[in-house]
Amino acid sequence: MTNDLSVRFDGFSVSGVGRTILANVWREACRPIEIQESLHKIGGILAKLVPIGQLFIRRIDQQRSYVETVAVGISVPDYLLPDSRTECDGDQLKELLAWCRKGQLLQQGNSRFGRSLFATIVPSGVTADVVAGSLGDPANPSGVLVLVAQPGTNFDDSHVSLIESLLEPFSAALENDQ
């Protein structure tokens, strides 16, 4: 992970805002409010820098073998709300947990992981560019952050770097919600 949090969006460089964005996201993530409200506010902060069409958090329930959407932060009118629950068979859950332990971002079309992992993490019907990251302790992951690009856009390397730096505050928000 890089310490340089400058980002590029729509052809212009936004430098020097990375730390401010990170501080604002941390502030919202640590507030004692419901995760839905927190994610909505954080989504508004991020939408100024990253072409997010949809942002949601999915909680991993290892004992019941499912992944459930617990909060949606942004949803452009062209997108349906994500399915609330994805049931996992034993192999899907193992693949999901193995990916979480590696601590790597998952990006559609740029991953060593298979389509079955995307089917587990990303609710059906999502067709745009996706970046996902695991939340919580890698040894005992609690959820997944999923960002879907606006229609007709893709996440570039600077977006992915910014998203990676935000996994820890999103993990805190999910933990605060339990």
N, C-alpha and C. Protein backbone atom coordinates (compact mmCIF):
# COMPACT_ATOMS: atom_id res chain seq x y z
N MET A 1 0.85 -1.17 0.00
CA MET A 1 0.00 0.00 0.00
C MET A 1 0.90 1.23 0.00
N THR A 2 0.54 2.17 -0.80
CA THR A 2 1.32 3.39 -0.94
C THR A 2 0.84 4.46 0.05
N ASN A 3 1.75 5.34 0.46
CA ASN A 3 1.38 6.45 1.33
C ASN A 3 0.86 7.64 0.53
N ASP A 4 1.10 7.64 -0.77
CA ASP A 4 0.64 8.74 -1.62
C ASP A 4 -0.82 8.52 -1.95
N LEU A 5 -1.69 9.34 -1.38
CA LEU A 5 -3.12 9.16 -1.57
C LEU A 5 -3.68 10.15 -2.59
N SER A 6 -2.82 10.71 -3.48
CA SER A 6 -3.38 11.57 -4.51
C SER A 6 -4.18 10.71 -5.47
N VAL A 7 -5.24 11.26 -5.97
CA VAL A 7 -6.10 10.51 -6.87
C VAL A 7 -6.36 11.30 -8.14
N ARG A 8 -6.78 10.62 -9.17
CA ARG A 8 -7.08 11.22 -10.45
C ARG A 8 -8.50 10.84 -10.80
N PHE A 9 -9.30 11.81 -11.19
CA PHE A 9 -10.69 11.57 -11.54
C PHE A 9 -11.07 12.47 -12.70
N ASP A 10 -11.65 11.90 -13.73
CA ASP A 10 -12.08 12.65 -14.91
C ASP A 10 -10.98 13.53 -15.48
N GLY A 11 -9.76 13.02 -15.48
CA GLY A 11 -8.67 13.71 -16.15
C GLY A 11 -8.00 14.81 -15.37
N PHE A 12 -8.38 15.07 -14.12
CA PHE A 12 -7.66 16.08 -13.35
C PHE A 12 -7.11 15.45 -12.09
N SER A 13 -6.00 15.99 -11.64
CA SER A 13 -5.34 15.44 -10.46
C SER A 13 -5.85 16.15 -9.21
N VAL A 14 -6.13 15.36 -8.20
CA VAL A 14 -6.54 15.90 -6.92
C VAL A 14 -5.48 15.46 -5.93
N SER A 15 -4.55 16.35 -5.61
CA SER A 15 -3.50 15.97 -4.68
C SER A 15 -3.68 16.70 -3.36
N GLY A 16 -3.13 16.11 -2.33
CA GLY A 16 -3.22 16.73 -1.03
C GLY A 16 -4.54 16.52 -0.31
N VAL A 17 -5.49 15.86 -0.94
CA VAL A 17 -6.78 15.64 -0.30
C VAL A 17 -6.90 14.26 0.31
N GLY A 18 -5.96 13.38 0.01
CA GLY A 18 -6.06 12.00 0.49
C GLY A 18 -6.16 11.89 1.99
N ARG A 19 -5.30 12.64 2.69
CA ARG A 19 -5.35 12.56 4.16
C ARG A 19 -6.64 13.15 4.71
N THR A 20 -7.12 14.22 4.09
CA THR A 20 -8.38 14.82 4.53
C THR A 20 -9.53 13.85 4.31
N ILE A 21 -9.55 13.22 3.14
CA ILE A 21 -10.60 12.24 2.84
C ILE A 21 -10.53 11.10 3.85
N LEU A 22 -9.33 10.59 4.08
CA LEU A 22 -9.17 9.48 5.02
C LEU A 22 -9.62 9.89 6.42
N ALA A 23 -9.27 11.09 6.84
CA ALA A 23 -9.70 11.57 8.16
C ALA A 23 -11.22 11.70 8.24
N ASN A 24 -11.84 12.22 7.18
CA ASN A 24 -13.30 12.35 7.16
C ASN A 24 -13.98 10.99 7.18
N VAL A 25 -13.43 10.04 6.44
CA VAL A 25 -14.00 8.69 6.44
C VAL A 25 -13.86 8.06 7.81
N TRP A 26 -12.68 8.19 8.43
CA TRP A 26 -12.49 7.65 9.78
C TRP A 26 -13.48 8.28 10.76
N ARG A 27 -13.67 9.58 10.67
CA ARG A 27 -14.60 10.26 11.59
C ARG A 27 -16.01 9.68 11.46
N GLU A 28 -16.47 9.50 10.23
CA GLU A 28 -17.81 8.94 10.03
C GLU A 28 -17.88 7.48 10.46
N ALA A 29 -16.82 6.72 10.18
CA ALA A 29 -16.82 5.29 10.51
C ALA A 29 -16.86 5.05 12.01
N CYS A 30 -16.28 5.95 12.77
CA CYS A 30 -16.20 5.76 14.22
C CYS A 30 -17.34 6.39 15.00
N ARG A 31 -18.23 7.06 14.31
CA ARG A 31 -19.38 7.65 14.99
C ARG A 31 -20.35 6.54 15.40
N PRO A 32 -20.99 6.68 16.54
CA PRO A 32 -21.92 5.64 17.00
C PRO A 32 -23.30 5.77 16.33
N ILE A 33 -23.31 5.55 15.02
CA ILE A 33 -24.57 5.59 14.27
C ILE A 33 -24.73 4.28 13.52
N GLU A 34 -25.92 4.04 13.01
CA GLU A 34 -26.15 2.82 12.25
C GLU A 34 -25.27 2.81 11.01
N ILE A 35 -24.86 1.63 10.60
CA ILE A 35 -23.94 1.50 9.47
C ILE A 35 -24.56 2.05 8.18
N GLN A 36 -25.86 1.95 8.04
CA GLN A 36 -26.51 2.48 6.83
C GLN A 36 -26.29 3.99 6.73
N GLU A 37 -26.48 4.70 7.83
CA GLU A 37 -26.27 6.15 7.83
C GLU A 37 -24.80 6.49 7.62
N SER A 38 -23.92 5.75 8.27
CA SER A 38 -22.49 5.97 8.14
C SER A 38 -22.04 5.76 6.69
N LEU A 39 -22.50 4.68 6.08
CA LEU A 39 -22.11 4.37 4.70
C LEU A 39 -22.65 5.41 3.73
N HIS A 40 -23.84 5.91 3.98
CA HIS A 40 -24.41 6.95 3.12
C HIS A 40 -23.53 8.21 3.17
N LYS A 41 -23.11 8.61 4.37
CA LYS A 41 -22.26 9.80 4.51
C LYS A 41 -20.88 9.57 3.89
N ILE A 42 -20.29 8.42 4.13
CA ILE A 42 -18.98 8.11 3.56
C ILE A 42 -19.08 8.06 2.03
N GLY A 43 -20.14 7.48 1.53
CA GLY A 43 -20.34 7.43 0.08
C GLY A 43 -20.37 8.82 -0.53
N GLY A 44 -21.00 9.77 0.16
CA GLY A 44 -21.03 11.14 -0.33
C GLY A 44 -19.65 11.76 -0.39
N ILE A 45 -18.80 11.43 0.58
CA ILE A 45 -17.43 11.93 0.60
C ILE A 45 -16.65 11.34 -0.58
N LEU A 46 -16.76 10.04 -0.77
CA LEU A 46 -15.98 9.35 -1.80
C LEU A 46 -16.44 9.66 -3.22
N ALA A 47 -17.72 9.93 -3.38
CA ALA A 47 -18.28 10.17 -4.71
C ALA A 47 -17.66 11.39 -5.39
N LYS A 48 -17.06 12.27 -4.60
CA LYS A 48 -16.40 13.45 -5.17
C LYS A 48 -15.10 13.09 -5.86
N LEU A 49 -14.53 11.91 -5.54
CA LEU A 49 -13.22 11.53 -6.06
C LEU A 49 -13.21 10.25 -6.88
N VAL A 50 -14.16 9.40 -6.65
CA VAL A 50 -14.19 8.08 -7.28
C VAL A 50 -15.53 7.92 -7.98
N PRO A 51 -15.54 7.40 -9.21
CA PRO A 51 -16.81 7.27 -9.95
C PRO A 51 -17.68 6.11 -9.44
N ILE A 52 -18.21 6.28 -8.22
CA ILE A 52 -18.99 5.22 -7.58
C ILE A 52 -20.44 5.31 -8.02
N GLY A 53 -20.96 4.20 -8.52
CA GLY A 53 -22.37 4.11 -8.84
C GLY A 53 -23.14 3.41 -7.74
N GLN A 54 -22.44 2.54 -7.03
CA GLN A 54 -23.05 1.80 -5.93
C GLN A 54 -21.96 1.42 -4.94
N LEU A 55 -22.28 1.49 -3.68
CA LEU A 55 -21.35 1.19 -2.60
C LEU A 55 -22.13 0.42 -1.55
N PHE A 56 -21.65 -0.76 -1.20
CA PHE A 56 -22.35 -1.50 -0.15
C PHE A 56 -21.41 -2.37 0.66
N ILE A 57 -21.87 -2.70 1.86
CA ILE A 57 -21.13 -3.58 2.76
C ILE A 57 -21.94 -4.85 2.93
N ARG A 58 -21.24 -5.97 2.83
CA ARG A 58 -21.86 -7.28 3.02
C ARG A 58 -21.19 -7.96 4.21
N ARG A 59 -21.99 -8.43 5.13
CA ARG A 59 -21.49 -9.12 6.33
C ARG A 59 -21.36 -10.61 6.02
N ILE A 60 -20.26 -11.21 6.48
CA ILE A 60 -20.03 -12.65 6.32
C ILE A 60 -20.52 -13.35 7.58
N ASP A 61 -21.45 -14.27 7.42
CA ASP A 61 -21.91 -15.09 8.54
C ASP A 61 -21.38 -16.51 8.30
N GLN A 62 -20.24 -16.82 8.93
CA GLN A 62 -19.60 -18.11 8.69
C GLN A 62 -20.41 -19.27 9.24
N GLN A 63 -21.08 -19.08 10.36
CA GLN A 63 -21.83 -20.17 10.97
C GLN A 63 -23.05 -20.55 10.15
N ARG A 64 -23.69 -19.57 9.53
CA ARG A 64 -24.89 -19.85 8.73
C ARG A 64 -24.59 -19.94 7.23
N SER A 65 -23.33 -19.73 6.87
CA SER A 65 -22.85 -19.86 5.48
C SER A 65 -23.59 -18.95 4.51
N TYR A 66 -23.56 -17.65 4.80
CA TYR A 66 -24.09 -16.68 3.84
C TYR A 66 -23.37 -15.35 3.95
N VAL A 67 -23.53 -14.54 2.91
CA VAL A 67 -23.04 -13.16 2.86
C VAL A 67 -24.27 -12.30 2.70
N GLU A 68 -24.41 -11.29 3.57
CA GLU A 68 -25.63 -10.49 3.58
C GLU A 68 -25.31 -9.00 3.45
N THR A 69 -26.04 -8.31 2.58
CA THR A 69 -25.89 -6.86 2.45
C THR A 69 -26.51 -6.20 3.66
N VAL A 70 -25.69 -5.41 4.38
CA VAL A 70 -26.19 -4.75 5.59
C VAL A 70 -26.31 -3.24 5.42
N ALA A 71 -25.69 -2.70 4.36
CA ALA A 71 -25.78 -1.25 4.13
C ALA A 71 -25.48 -0.93 2.68
N VAL A 72 -26.21 0.05 2.16
CA VAL A 72 -26.00 0.56 0.80
C VAL A 72 -25.78 2.05 0.92
N GLY A 73 -24.63 2.53 0.41
CA GLY A 73 -24.29 3.94 0.57
C GLY A 73 -24.71 4.82 -0.59
N ILE A 74 -24.55 4.34 -1.78
CA ILE A 74 -24.88 5.11 -2.99
C ILE A 74 -25.55 4.14 -3.94
N SER A 75 -26.55 4.61 -4.61
CA SER A 75 -27.16 3.78 -5.64
C SER A 75 -27.70 4.70 -6.73
N VAL A 76 -27.00 4.71 -7.89
CA VAL A 76 -27.48 5.54 -8.98
C VAL A 76 -28.79 4.94 -9.49
N PRO A 77 -29.65 5.75 -10.09
CA PRO A 77 -30.97 5.26 -10.51
C PRO A 77 -30.92 4.07 -11.46
N ASP A 78 -29.84 3.91 -12.23
CA ASP A 78 -29.75 2.80 -13.18
C ASP A 78 -29.53 1.45 -12.50
N TYR A 79 -29.14 1.46 -11.23
CA TYR A 79 -28.82 0.22 -10.55
C TYR A 79 -29.94 -0.22 -9.62
N LEU A 80 -30.14 -1.52 -9.59
CA LEU A 80 -31.06 -2.11 -8.63
C LEU A 80 -30.34 -2.22 -7.29
N LEU A 81 -31.09 -2.26 -6.21
CA LEU A 81 -30.47 -2.51 -4.92
C LEU A 81 -29.95 -3.94 -4.90
N PRO A 82 -28.82 -4.17 -4.23
CA PRO A 82 -28.25 -5.51 -4.22
C PRO A 82 -29.12 -6.50 -3.47
N ASP A 83 -29.02 -7.77 -3.89
CA ASP A 83 -29.70 -8.84 -3.14
C ASP A 83 -29.25 -8.76 -1.70
N SER A 84 -30.16 -9.05 -0.80
CA SER A 84 -29.78 -8.92 0.61
C SER A 84 -28.92 -10.08 1.09
N ARG A 85 -29.12 -11.27 0.53
CA ARG A 85 -28.39 -12.43 1.04
C ARG A 85 -27.96 -13.36 -0.09
N THR A 86 -26.73 -13.84 0.02
CA THR A 86 -26.21 -14.85 -0.90
C THR A 86 -25.83 -16.06 -0.07
N GLU A 87 -26.53 -17.15 -0.28
CA GLU A 87 -26.21 -18.40 0.41
C GLU A 87 -24.92 -18.96 -0.17
N CYS A 88 -24.07 -19.55 0.68
CA CYS A 88 -22.78 -20.11 0.24
C CYS A 88 -22.74 -21.60 0.55
N ASP A 89 -22.28 -22.38 -0.42
CA ASP A 89 -22.00 -23.77 -0.10
C ASP A 89 -20.61 -23.83 0.54
N GLY A 90 -20.19 -24.99 0.96
CA GLY A 90 -18.91 -25.13 1.66
C GLY A 90 -17.72 -24.64 0.85
N ASP A 91 -17.70 -24.95 -0.45
CA ASP A 91 -16.60 -24.52 -1.31
C ASP A 91 -16.58 -23.01 -1.50
N GLN A 92 -17.75 -22.41 -1.67
CA GLN A 92 -17.81 -20.95 -1.84
C GLN A 92 -17.31 -20.24 -0.58
N LEU A 93 -17.73 -20.72 0.58
CA LEU A 93 -17.32 -20.11 1.84
C LEU A 93 -15.81 -20.25 2.02
N LYS A 94 -15.25 -21.42 1.70
CA LYS A 94 -13.81 -21.62 1.81
C LYS A 94 -13.05 -20.68 0.88
N GLU A 95 -13.53 -20.53 -0.35
CA GLU A 95 -12.87 -19.63 -1.31
C GLU A 95 -12.96 -18.18 -0.82
N LEU A 96 -14.10 -17.78 -0.31
CA LEU A 96 -14.28 -16.43 0.21
C LEU A 96 -13.32 -16.16 1.37
N LEU A 97 -13.26 -17.07 2.32
CA LEU A 97 -12.40 -16.89 3.49
C LEU A 97 -10.92 -16.92 3.10
N ALA A 98 -10.55 -17.76 2.13
CA ALA A 98 -9.16 -17.79 1.65
C ALA A 98 -8.79 -16.45 1.02
N TRP A 99 -9.70 -15.89 0.24
CA TRP A 99 -9.45 -14.57 -0.37
C TRP A 99 -9.32 -13.51 0.73
N CYS A 100 -10.19 -13.52 1.72
CA CYS A 100 -10.13 -12.55 2.81
C CYS A 100 -8.80 -12.62 3.55
N ARG A 101 -8.31 -13.83 3.77
CA ARG A 101 -7.04 -14.00 4.50
C ARG A 101 -5.86 -13.41 3.73
N LYS A 102 -5.95 -13.39 2.41
CA LYS A 102 -4.86 -12.84 1.59
C LYS A 102 -4.83 -11.31 1.65
N GLY A 103 -5.94 -10.69 1.99
CA GLY A 103 -5.98 -9.24 2.11
C GLY A 103 -5.81 -8.50 0.79
N GLN A 104 -6.16 -9.14 -0.30
CA GLN A 104 -6.03 -8.51 -1.62
C GLN A 104 -7.37 -7.97 -2.10
N LEU A 105 -7.29 -6.84 -2.81
CA LEU A 105 -8.51 -6.34 -3.44
C LEU A 105 -8.88 -7.24 -4.60
N LEU A 106 -10.15 -7.30 -4.85
CA LEU A 106 -10.67 -8.07 -5.97
C LEU A 106 -11.24 -7.07 -6.97
N GLN A 107 -10.74 -7.11 -8.20
CA GLN A 107 -11.26 -6.21 -9.22
C GLN A 107 -11.65 -7.04 -10.43
N GLN A 108 -12.85 -6.78 -10.90
CA GLN A 108 -13.38 -7.52 -12.04
C GLN A 108 -12.41 -7.43 -13.21
N GLY A 109 -12.09 -8.57 -13.82
CA GLY A 109 -11.21 -8.61 -14.97
C GLY A 109 -9.74 -8.48 -14.64
N ASN A 110 -9.39 -8.29 -13.36
CA ASN A 110 -8.00 -8.10 -12.98
C ASN A 110 -7.71 -8.90 -11.72
N SER A 111 -7.99 -10.18 -11.77
CA SER A 111 -7.88 -10.97 -10.56
C SER A 111 -7.46 -12.40 -10.86
N ARG A 112 -6.72 -12.96 -9.91
CA ARG A 112 -6.34 -14.37 -10.02
C ARG A 112 -7.44 -15.27 -9.47
N PHE A 113 -8.46 -14.68 -8.88
CA PHE A 113 -9.55 -15.45 -8.31
C PHE A 113 -10.60 -15.68 -9.39
N GLY A 114 -11.38 -16.72 -9.22
CA GLY A 114 -12.34 -17.11 -10.24
C GLY A 114 -13.67 -16.37 -10.18
N ARG A 115 -14.47 -16.62 -11.20
CA ARG A 115 -15.80 -16.02 -11.30
C ARG A 115 -16.70 -16.45 -10.15
N SER A 116 -16.45 -17.65 -9.60
CA SER A 116 -17.31 -18.10 -8.50
C SER A 116 -17.16 -17.20 -7.27
N LEU A 117 -15.96 -16.64 -7.05
CA LEU A 117 -15.78 -15.72 -5.94
C LEU A 117 -16.58 -14.44 -6.18
N PHE A 118 -16.57 -13.95 -7.41
CA PHE A 118 -17.39 -12.78 -7.74
C PHE A 118 -18.86 -13.07 -7.51
N ALA A 119 -19.30 -14.26 -7.87
CA ALA A 119 -20.70 -14.62 -7.69
C ALA A 119 -21.07 -14.66 -6.20
N THR A 120 -20.13 -15.00 -5.36
CA THR A 120 -20.37 -15.03 -3.92
C THR A 120 -20.40 -13.62 -3.33
N ILE A 121 -19.47 -12.78 -3.76
CA ILE A 121 -19.31 -11.44 -3.18
C ILE A 121 -20.26 -10.42 -3.79
N VAL A 122 -20.37 -10.44 -5.10
CA VAL A 122 -21.13 -9.41 -5.82
C VAL A 122 -22.53 -9.93 -6.12
N PRO A 123 -23.55 -9.25 -5.64
CA PRO A 123 -24.92 -9.72 -5.89
C PRO A 123 -25.23 -9.81 -7.38
N SER A 124 -26.14 -10.69 -7.72
CA SER A 124 -26.51 -10.89 -9.12
C SER A 124 -27.05 -9.59 -9.71
N GLY A 125 -26.82 -9.42 -11.01
CA GLY A 125 -27.33 -8.25 -11.71
C GLY A 125 -26.33 -7.12 -11.83
N VAL A 126 -25.23 -7.16 -11.07
CA VAL A 126 -24.21 -6.11 -11.16
C VAL A 126 -23.32 -6.43 -12.36
N THR A 127 -23.26 -5.50 -13.32
CA THR A 127 -22.49 -5.74 -14.54
C THR A 127 -21.36 -4.74 -14.77
N ALA A 128 -21.31 -3.68 -13.98
CA ALA A 128 -20.27 -2.65 -14.16
C ALA A 128 -18.97 -3.10 -13.49
N ASP A 129 -17.94 -2.27 -13.64
CA ASP A 129 -16.65 -2.53 -13.01
C ASP A 129 -16.84 -2.58 -11.50
N VAL A 130 -16.17 -3.53 -10.84
CA VAL A 130 -16.33 -3.75 -9.40
C VAL A 130 -14.96 -3.84 -8.74
N VAL A 131 -14.84 -3.23 -7.56
CA VAL A 131 -13.70 -3.44 -6.68
C VAL A 131 -14.27 -3.86 -5.33
N ALA A 132 -13.68 -4.92 -4.76
CA ALA A 132 -14.12 -5.41 -3.46
C ALA A 132 -12.92 -5.65 -2.57
N GLY A 133 -13.12 -5.44 -1.28
CA GLY A 133 -12.07 -5.68 -0.31
C GLY A 133 -12.65 -6.29 0.94
N SER A 134 -11.87 -7.15 1.58
CA SER A 134 -12.36 -7.80 2.80
C SER A 134 -12.25 -6.85 3.98
N LEU A 135 -13.15 -7.01 4.92
CA LEU A 135 -13.23 -6.16 6.11
C LEU A 135 -13.00 -7.01 7.35
N GLY A 136 -12.40 -6.39 8.35
CA GLY A 136 -12.15 -7.08 9.60
C GLY A 136 -10.78 -7.73 9.62
N ASP A 137 -10.56 -8.50 10.66
CA ASP A 137 -9.30 -9.21 10.84
C ASP A 137 -9.18 -10.30 9.77
N PRO A 138 -8.05 -10.36 9.05
CA PRO A 138 -7.91 -11.39 8.01
C PRO A 138 -8.11 -12.81 8.53
N ALA A 139 -7.75 -13.07 9.78
CA ALA A 139 -7.94 -14.41 10.34
C ALA A 139 -9.41 -14.71 10.64
N ASN A 140 -10.19 -13.67 10.84
CA ASN A 140 -11.61 -13.84 11.13
C ASN A 140 -12.39 -12.69 10.47
N PRO A 141 -12.50 -12.71 9.15
CA PRO A 141 -13.12 -11.59 8.44
C PRO A 141 -14.60 -11.42 8.79
N SER A 142 -15.02 -10.15 8.81
CA SER A 142 -16.40 -9.86 9.19
C SER A 142 -17.27 -9.47 8.01
N GLY A 143 -16.66 -9.05 6.91
CA GLY A 143 -17.48 -8.62 5.79
C GLY A 143 -16.66 -8.25 4.57
N VAL A 144 -17.38 -7.66 3.61
CA VAL A 144 -16.78 -7.28 2.34
C VAL A 144 -17.32 -5.91 1.95
N LEU A 145 -16.43 -5.03 1.53
CA LEU A 145 -16.80 -3.75 0.95
C LEU A 145 -16.86 -3.94 -0.56
N VAL A 146 -17.95 -3.53 -1.19
CA VAL A 146 -18.11 -3.65 -2.64
C VAL A 146 -18.41 -2.28 -3.22
N LEU A 147 -17.62 -1.86 -4.19
CA LEU A 147 -17.85 -0.62 -4.91
C LEU A 147 -18.08 -0.95 -6.37
N VAL A 148 -19.15 -0.40 -6.92
CA VAL A 148 -19.51 -0.62 -8.32
C VAL A 148 -19.37 0.73 -9.02
N ALA A 149 -18.70 0.73 -10.17
CA ALA A 149 -18.47 1.98 -10.90
C ALA A 149 -19.76 2.50 -11.52
N GLN A 150 -19.79 3.81 -11.74
CA GLN A 150 -20.91 4.42 -12.45
C GLN A 150 -21.00 3.82 -13.84
N PRO A 151 -22.18 3.79 -14.43
CA PRO A 151 -22.33 3.25 -15.79
C PRO A 151 -21.36 3.94 -16.75
N GLY A 152 -20.65 3.14 -17.53
CA GLY A 152 -19.74 3.67 -18.55
C GLY A 152 -18.38 4.10 -18.03
N THR A 153 -18.09 3.87 -16.73
CA THR A 153 -16.78 4.22 -16.18
C THR A 153 -16.11 3.00 -15.59
N ASN A 154 -14.83 3.14 -15.31
CA ASN A 154 -14.05 2.07 -14.67
C ASN A 154 -13.22 2.68 -13.56
N PHE A 155 -12.82 1.85 -12.62
CA PHE A 155 -11.92 2.28 -11.56
C PHE A 155 -10.49 2.17 -12.10
N ASP A 156 -9.70 3.25 -11.96
CA ASP A 156 -8.30 3.17 -12.38
C ASP A 156 -7.42 2.88 -11.16
N ASP A 157 -6.11 2.83 -11.38
CA ASP A 157 -5.19 2.46 -10.31
C ASP A 157 -5.26 3.41 -9.12
N SER A 158 -5.45 4.71 -9.39
CA SER A 158 -5.51 5.66 -8.27
C SER A 158 -6.78 5.45 -7.45
N HIS A 159 -7.89 5.10 -8.09
CA HIS A 159 -9.12 4.79 -7.36
C HIS A 159 -8.91 3.57 -6.49
N VAL A 160 -8.30 2.54 -7.07
CA VAL A 160 -8.08 1.29 -6.35
C VAL A 160 -7.18 1.53 -5.14
N SER A 161 -6.14 2.36 -5.29
CA SER A 161 -5.26 2.68 -4.16
C SER A 161 -6.03 3.39 -3.05
N LEU A 162 -6.87 4.33 -3.43
CA LEU A 162 -7.67 5.04 -2.43
C LEU A 162 -8.62 4.07 -1.73
N ILE A 163 -9.28 3.23 -2.49
CA ILE A 163 -10.21 2.25 -1.92
C ILE A 163 -9.49 1.34 -0.93
N GLU A 164 -8.29 0.90 -1.30
CA GLU A 164 -7.52 0.02 -0.41
C GLU A 164 -7.21 0.70 0.92
N SER A 165 -6.91 1.99 0.87
CA SER A 165 -6.60 2.72 2.10
C SER A 165 -7.82 2.90 3.00
N LEU A 166 -9.00 2.66 2.47
CA LEU A 166 -10.23 2.88 3.22
C LEU A 166 -10.80 1.60 3.85
N LEU A 167 -10.17 0.47 3.63
CA LEU A 167 -10.71 -0.78 4.17
C LEU A 167 -10.72 -0.79 5.70
N GLU A 168 -9.71 -0.22 6.31
CA GLU A 168 -9.67 -0.22 7.78
C GLU A 168 -10.81 0.61 8.39
N PRO A 169 -11.05 1.84 7.93
CA PRO A 169 -12.20 2.55 8.51
C PRO A 169 -13.55 1.88 8.23
N PHE A 170 -13.69 1.27 7.05
CA PHE A 170 -14.94 0.54 6.78
C PHE A 170 -15.05 -0.68 7.69
N SER A 171 -13.93 -1.30 8.02
CA SER A 171 -13.95 -2.42 8.97
C SER A 171 -14.43 -1.94 10.33
N ALA A 172 -13.95 -0.76 10.74
CA ALA A 172 -14.37 -0.19 12.03
C ALA A 172 -15.88 0.10 12.02
N ALA A 173 -16.37 0.63 10.91
CA ALA A 173 -17.81 0.92 10.82
C ALA A 173 -18.63 -0.36 10.96
N LEU A 174 -18.19 -1.42 10.32
CA LEU A 174 -18.91 -2.70 10.41
C LEU A 174 -18.84 -3.25 11.83
N GLU A 175 -17.69 -3.16 12.46
CA GLU A 175 -17.56 -3.63 13.84
C GLU A 175 -18.43 -2.81 14.79
N ASN A 176 -18.50 -1.49 14.57
CA ASN A 176 -19.33 -0.63 15.42
C ASN A 176 -20.81 -0.96 15.28
N ASP A 177 -21.19 -1.55 14.18
CA ASP A 177 -22.60 -1.86 13.92
C ASP A 177 -23.06 -3.14 14.61
N GLN A 178 -22.14 -3.95 15.07
CA GLN A 178 -22.53 -5.25 15.64
C GLN A 178 -23.02 -5.15 17.05
